[in-house]
Amino acid sequence: MELIRSTQDAMSIAETFYASGMFTDIKSSSQAMVKIMAGQEFGIPPFAAMSGIHLIQGKPTIGAGLMAQRVKKSGKYTYNVLQLNDSICEIEFIQLPKTILGKSTFTIEDAKKAATKNIDRFPKNMLFARAISNGVRWFTPDIYESVVYVPEEMQEVEQLNQPIQQAEVLPQLTDEAVIHSIECCESLAELKALYNSDSRFANYKQLFSIAKTKLNEVKKNDVQSQQ
């Protein structure tokens, strides 16, 4: 039976789920609505979506169990777990009836390189989640309408999506510009501040030293004239 025929249906179900208090990770009916609508897009019924879809940094992710189930129920694909322990998970993906598409392998070394969470607490679960997720994207991408991720890899995805920061381009530093800047300093404090304002001034240490000597002489002459 189709439960959701309109947005109003989805909101009504979301409000019911939120009010039930059964889903402690949901803080509002709006969050429940997001899970339900994401589930509808991924072909997951409302209750399963509430349990198996997780909101990570505002983005919906699918639990490994639901992802594996979708492969098995596709009628087009299946998979076999060849290895699963605390060090490695290897999954073979098959297009029915017997065409081997390839293998997805994820090791504890891969997890450490990717800074994957839950390595120590649930290594088998984490390795399976990453292997099944990679395999779905590589060999059975058509079981979903869009690219999906499991919660265990969302941190890595966020890092990859971070905008690349452009290195600050500093203006060219010429000898004439440095000399002019030094000559504009009227006190030792100003000279020191100028020197510390740009690490490239270290290449002109001798000029700053000469300027410091001159300012010291000026200061000394001013003191003598006042006596």
Protein backbone atom coordinates (compact mmCIF):
# COMPACT_ATOMS: atom_id res chain seq x y z
CA MET A 1 0.00 0.00 0.00
CA GLU A 2 1.37 3.42 -0.95
CA LEU A 3 1.51 5.55 2.20
CA ILE A 4 2.77 8.79 0.70
CA ARG A 5 0.72 10.35 -2.08
CA SER A 6 1.43 14.00 -1.25
CA THR A 7 3.61 16.30 0.84
CA GLN A 8 0.79 16.45 3.39
CA ASP A 9 0.95 12.67 3.78
CA ALA A 10 4.69 12.82 4.37
CA MET A 11 4.33 15.61 6.95
CA SER A 12 1.58 13.74 8.78
CA ILE A 13 3.75 10.61 9.02
CA ALA A 14 6.75 12.73 10.07
CA GLU A 15 4.78 14.36 12.88
CA THR A 16 3.58 10.96 14.06
CA PHE A 17 7.08 9.49 14.08
CA TYR A 18 8.52 12.52 15.90
CA ALA A 19 5.75 12.52 18.50
CA SER A 20 6.29 8.81 19.19
CA GLY A 21 9.71 9.49 20.73
CA MET A 22 11.02 6.23 19.24
CA PHE A 23 13.65 7.93 17.11
CA THR A 24 15.93 9.72 19.54
CA ASP A 25 18.19 11.19 16.84
CA ILE A 26 15.29 13.23 15.45
CA LYS A 27 14.89 16.65 17.06
CA SER A 28 11.90 17.89 15.07
CA SER A 29 9.17 16.74 12.72
CA SER A 30 11.02 18.60 9.94
CA GLN A 31 14.03 16.33 10.37
CA ALA A 32 11.74 13.32 10.22
CA MET A 33 10.24 14.76 7.05
CA VAL A 34 13.70 14.99 5.47
CA LYS A 35 14.37 11.33 6.25
CA ILE A 36 11.03 10.23 4.87
CA MET A 37 11.38 12.25 1.66
CA ALA A 38 14.95 11.02 1.17
CA GLY A 39 13.69 7.49 1.67
CA GLN A 40 11.00 7.99 -0.93
CA GLU A 41 13.63 9.17 -3.42
CA PHE A 42 15.77 6.12 -2.67
CA GLY A 43 12.80 3.72 -2.76
CA ILE A 44 12.80 3.12 1.01
CA PRO A 45 9.47 3.04 2.93
CA PRO A 46 8.93 5.56 5.75
CA PHE A 47 9.65 3.39 8.81
CA ALA A 48 12.76 1.87 7.25
CA ALA A 49 13.88 5.35 6.25
CA MET A 50 13.56 6.55 9.84
CA SER A 51 15.75 3.70 11.05
CA GLY A 52 18.17 3.35 8.16
CA ILE A 53 18.72 6.87 6.84
CA HIS A 54 21.01 9.06 8.94
CA LEU A 55 21.47 12.82 8.73
CA ILE A 56 25.19 13.58 8.82
CA GLN A 57 26.09 17.28 8.72
CA GLY A 58 22.71 17.99 7.18
CA LYS A 59 23.00 15.34 4.46
CA PRO A 60 21.08 12.05 4.30
CA THR A 61 23.15 8.85 4.27
CA ILE A 62 21.96 5.25 3.99
CA GLY A 63 22.85 2.50 6.43
CA ALA A 64 24.91 -0.35 5.02
CA GLY A 65 22.12 -2.84 5.78
CA LEU A 66 19.60 -0.98 3.64
CA MET A 67 22.14 -0.61 0.86
CA ALA A 68 22.95 -4.31 0.89
CA GLN A 69 19.24 -5.14 0.96
CA ARG A 70 18.63 -2.94 -2.07
CA VAL A 71 21.23 -4.89 -4.06
CA LYS A 72 19.66 -8.23 -3.14
CA LYS A 73 16.11 -7.04 -3.91
CA SER A 74 17.01 -5.35 -7.19
CA GLY A 75 16.29 -8.51 -9.18
CA LYS A 76 19.28 -7.60 -11.30
CA TYR A 77 22.24 -7.91 -8.94
CA THR A 78 23.46 -9.83 -5.93
CA TYR A 79 26.70 -10.07 -3.95
CA ASN A 80 28.78 -12.57 -2.00
CA VAL A 81 30.94 -11.71 1.01
CA LEU A 82 34.26 -13.41 0.33
CA GLN A 83 36.11 -12.16 3.42
CA LEU A 84 34.95 -10.36 6.55
CA ASN A 85 37.06 -9.94 9.68
CA ASP A 86 38.63 -7.18 11.74
CA SER A 87 41.23 -6.49 9.04
CA ILE A 88 39.49 -6.79 5.67
CA CYS A 89 36.14 -7.01 3.92
CA GLU A 90 35.98 -8.31 0.36
CA ILE A 91 32.67 -8.43 -1.52
CA GLU A 92 32.05 -9.89 -4.97
CA PHE A 93 29.29 -8.24 -7.02
CA ILE A 94 27.31 -10.30 -9.53
CA GLN A 95 24.86 -9.40 -12.25
CA LEU A 96 22.24 -12.11 -12.39
CA PRO A 97 22.35 -14.85 -13.24
CA LYS A 98 26.11 -15.39 -12.98
CA THR A 99 28.09 -12.49 -14.45
CA ILE A 100 30.84 -11.41 -12.05
CA LEU A 101 31.14 -7.62 -12.19
CA GLY A 102 34.09 -7.25 -9.85
CA LYS A 103 35.19 -7.13 -6.24
CA SER A 104 35.10 -4.34 -3.68
CA THR A 105 37.74 -4.60 -0.97
CA PHE A 106 38.25 -2.34 2.02
CA THR A 107 40.98 -2.95 4.60
CA ILE A 108 41.80 -1.60 8.02
CA GLU A 109 44.78 0.17 6.42
CA ASP A 110 42.39 1.91 4.00
CA ALA A 111 40.25 2.96 6.96
CA LYS A 112 43.20 4.47 8.79
CA LYS A 113 44.29 6.41 5.72
CA ALA A 114 40.76 7.79 5.34
CA ALA A 115 40.50 8.56 9.08
CA THR A 116 37.30 6.50 9.18
CA LYS A 117 35.35 6.54 12.41
CA ASN A 118 34.50 3.45 14.52
CA ILE A 119 37.66 1.59 13.50
CA ASP A 120 38.32 0.30 17.00
CA ARG A 121 34.77 -0.19 18.23
CA PHE A 122 33.13 -1.93 15.26
CA PRO A 123 35.81 -2.86 12.71
CA LYS A 124 33.78 -5.54 10.88
CA ASN A 125 30.71 -3.32 10.55
CA MET A 126 32.77 -0.38 9.36
CA LEU A 127 34.73 -2.43 6.80
CA PHE A 128 31.54 -3.99 5.44
CA ALA A 129 29.86 -0.58 5.17
CA ARG A 130 32.73 0.89 3.20
CA ALA A 131 33.10 -2.15 0.94
CA ILE A 132 29.37 -2.38 0.14
CA SER A 133 29.13 1.37 -0.50
CA ASN A 134 32.10 1.41 -2.86
CA GLY A 135 30.81 -1.66 -4.65
CA VAL A 136 27.37 -0.18 -5.19
CA ARG A 137 28.88 2.93 -6.75
CA TRP A 138 31.29 0.92 -8.90
CA PHE A 139 29.16 -2.00 -10.06
CA THR A 140 25.46 -1.38 -9.35
CA PRO A 141 24.94 2.40 -9.49
CA ASP A 142 21.58 2.09 -11.23
CA ILE A 143 19.83 0.74 -8.11
CA TYR A 144 19.62 4.35 -6.87
CA GLU A 145 18.64 7.52 -8.68
CA SER A 146 21.61 9.42 -7.28
CA VAL A 147 24.95 8.76 -5.60
CA VAL A 148 24.54 7.50 -2.03
CA TYR A 149 26.92 7.16 0.89
CA VAL A 150 27.01 5.29 4.16
CA PRO A 151 27.50 7.26 7.42
CA GLU A 152 30.95 5.74 7.92
CA GLU A 153 32.37 7.56 4.87
CA MET A 154 30.58 10.90 5.18
CA GLN A 155 33.48 12.58 6.98
CA GLU A 156 35.80 11.74 4.07
CA VAL A 157 33.22 13.01 1.57
CA GLU A 158 32.98 16.31 3.43
CA GLN A 159 36.73 16.72 3.34
CA LEU A 160 36.80 16.09 -0.40
CA ASN A 161 34.04 18.65 -0.93
CA GLN A 162 35.82 21.39 0.99
CA PRO A 163 36.67 24.30 -1.33
CA ILE A 164 40.33 24.59 -2.17
CA GLN A 165 41.75 27.67 -0.53
CA GLN A 166 43.79 29.79 -2.87
CA ALA A 167 47.19 30.78 -1.55
CA GLU A 168 47.43 34.44 -0.71
CA VAL A 169 49.23 36.31 -3.47
CA LEU A 170 51.56 38.88 -1.94
CA PRO A 171 52.59 41.99 -3.85
CA GLN A 172 56.04 41.90 -5.37
CA LEU A 173 58.71 43.18 -2.99
CA THR A 174 61.32 45.33 -4.75
CA ASP A 175 64.46 46.92 -3.34
CA GLU A 176 63.02 50.37 -4.03
CA ALA A 177 59.81 49.55 -2.16
CA VAL A 178 61.72 48.22 0.84
CA ILE A 179 64.01 51.25 1.03
CA HIS A 180 61.04 53.59 0.73
CA SER A 181 59.18 51.78 3.52
CA ILE A 182 62.23 51.92 5.78
CA GLU A 183 62.74 55.63 5.13
CA CYS A 184 59.14 56.29 6.15
CA CYS A 185 59.77 54.90 9.64
CA GLU A 186 60.22 57.72 12.15
CA SER A 187 60.90 55.63 15.23
CA LEU A 188 62.40 52.32 16.28
CA ALA A 189 58.92 51.04 17.10
CA GLU A 190 57.71 51.73 13.56
CA LEU A 191 60.82 50.10 12.11
CA LYS A 192 60.29 46.97 14.23
CA ALA A 193 56.63 46.77 13.28
CA LEU A 194 57.53 47.04 9.60
CA TYR A 195 60.12 44.30 9.88
CA ASN A 196 57.66 41.93 11.59
CA SER A 197 54.86 42.65 9.11
CA ASP A 198 56.32 40.53 6.30
CA SER A 199 58.63 37.52 6.62
CA ARG A 200 60.32 38.53 3.34
CA PHE A 201 61.90 41.51 5.09
CA ALA A 202 64.34 39.02 6.62
CA ASN A 203 66.17 39.16 3.28
CA TYR A 204 66.81 42.86 3.95
CA LYS A 205 68.13 42.50 7.47
CA GLN A 206 71.22 44.59 6.73
CA LEU A 207 69.13 47.55 5.51
CA PHE A 208 66.99 47.37 8.64
CA SER A 209 70.14 47.22 10.77
CA ILE A 210 71.51 50.37 9.12
CA ALA A 211 68.19 52.12 9.57
CA LYS A 212 68.11 51.09 13.22
CA THR A 213 71.58 52.56 13.76
CA LYS A 214 70.52 55.85 12.15
CA LEU A 215 67.37 56.08 14.26
CA ASN A 216 69.38 55.40 17.39
CA GLU A 217 71.74 58.23 16.44
CA VAL A 218 68.79 60.56 15.84
CA LYS A 219 67.33 59.61 19.19
CA LYS A 220 70.70 60.18 20.89
CA ASN A 221 71.09 63.60 19.25
CA ASP A 222 67.57 64.60 20.28
CA VAL A 223 68.33 63.68 23.88
CA GLN A 224 71.58 65.66 23.83
CA SER A 225 69.91 68.74 22.32
CA GLN A 226 67.36 68.73 25.11
CA GLN A 227 70.02 68.77 27.82
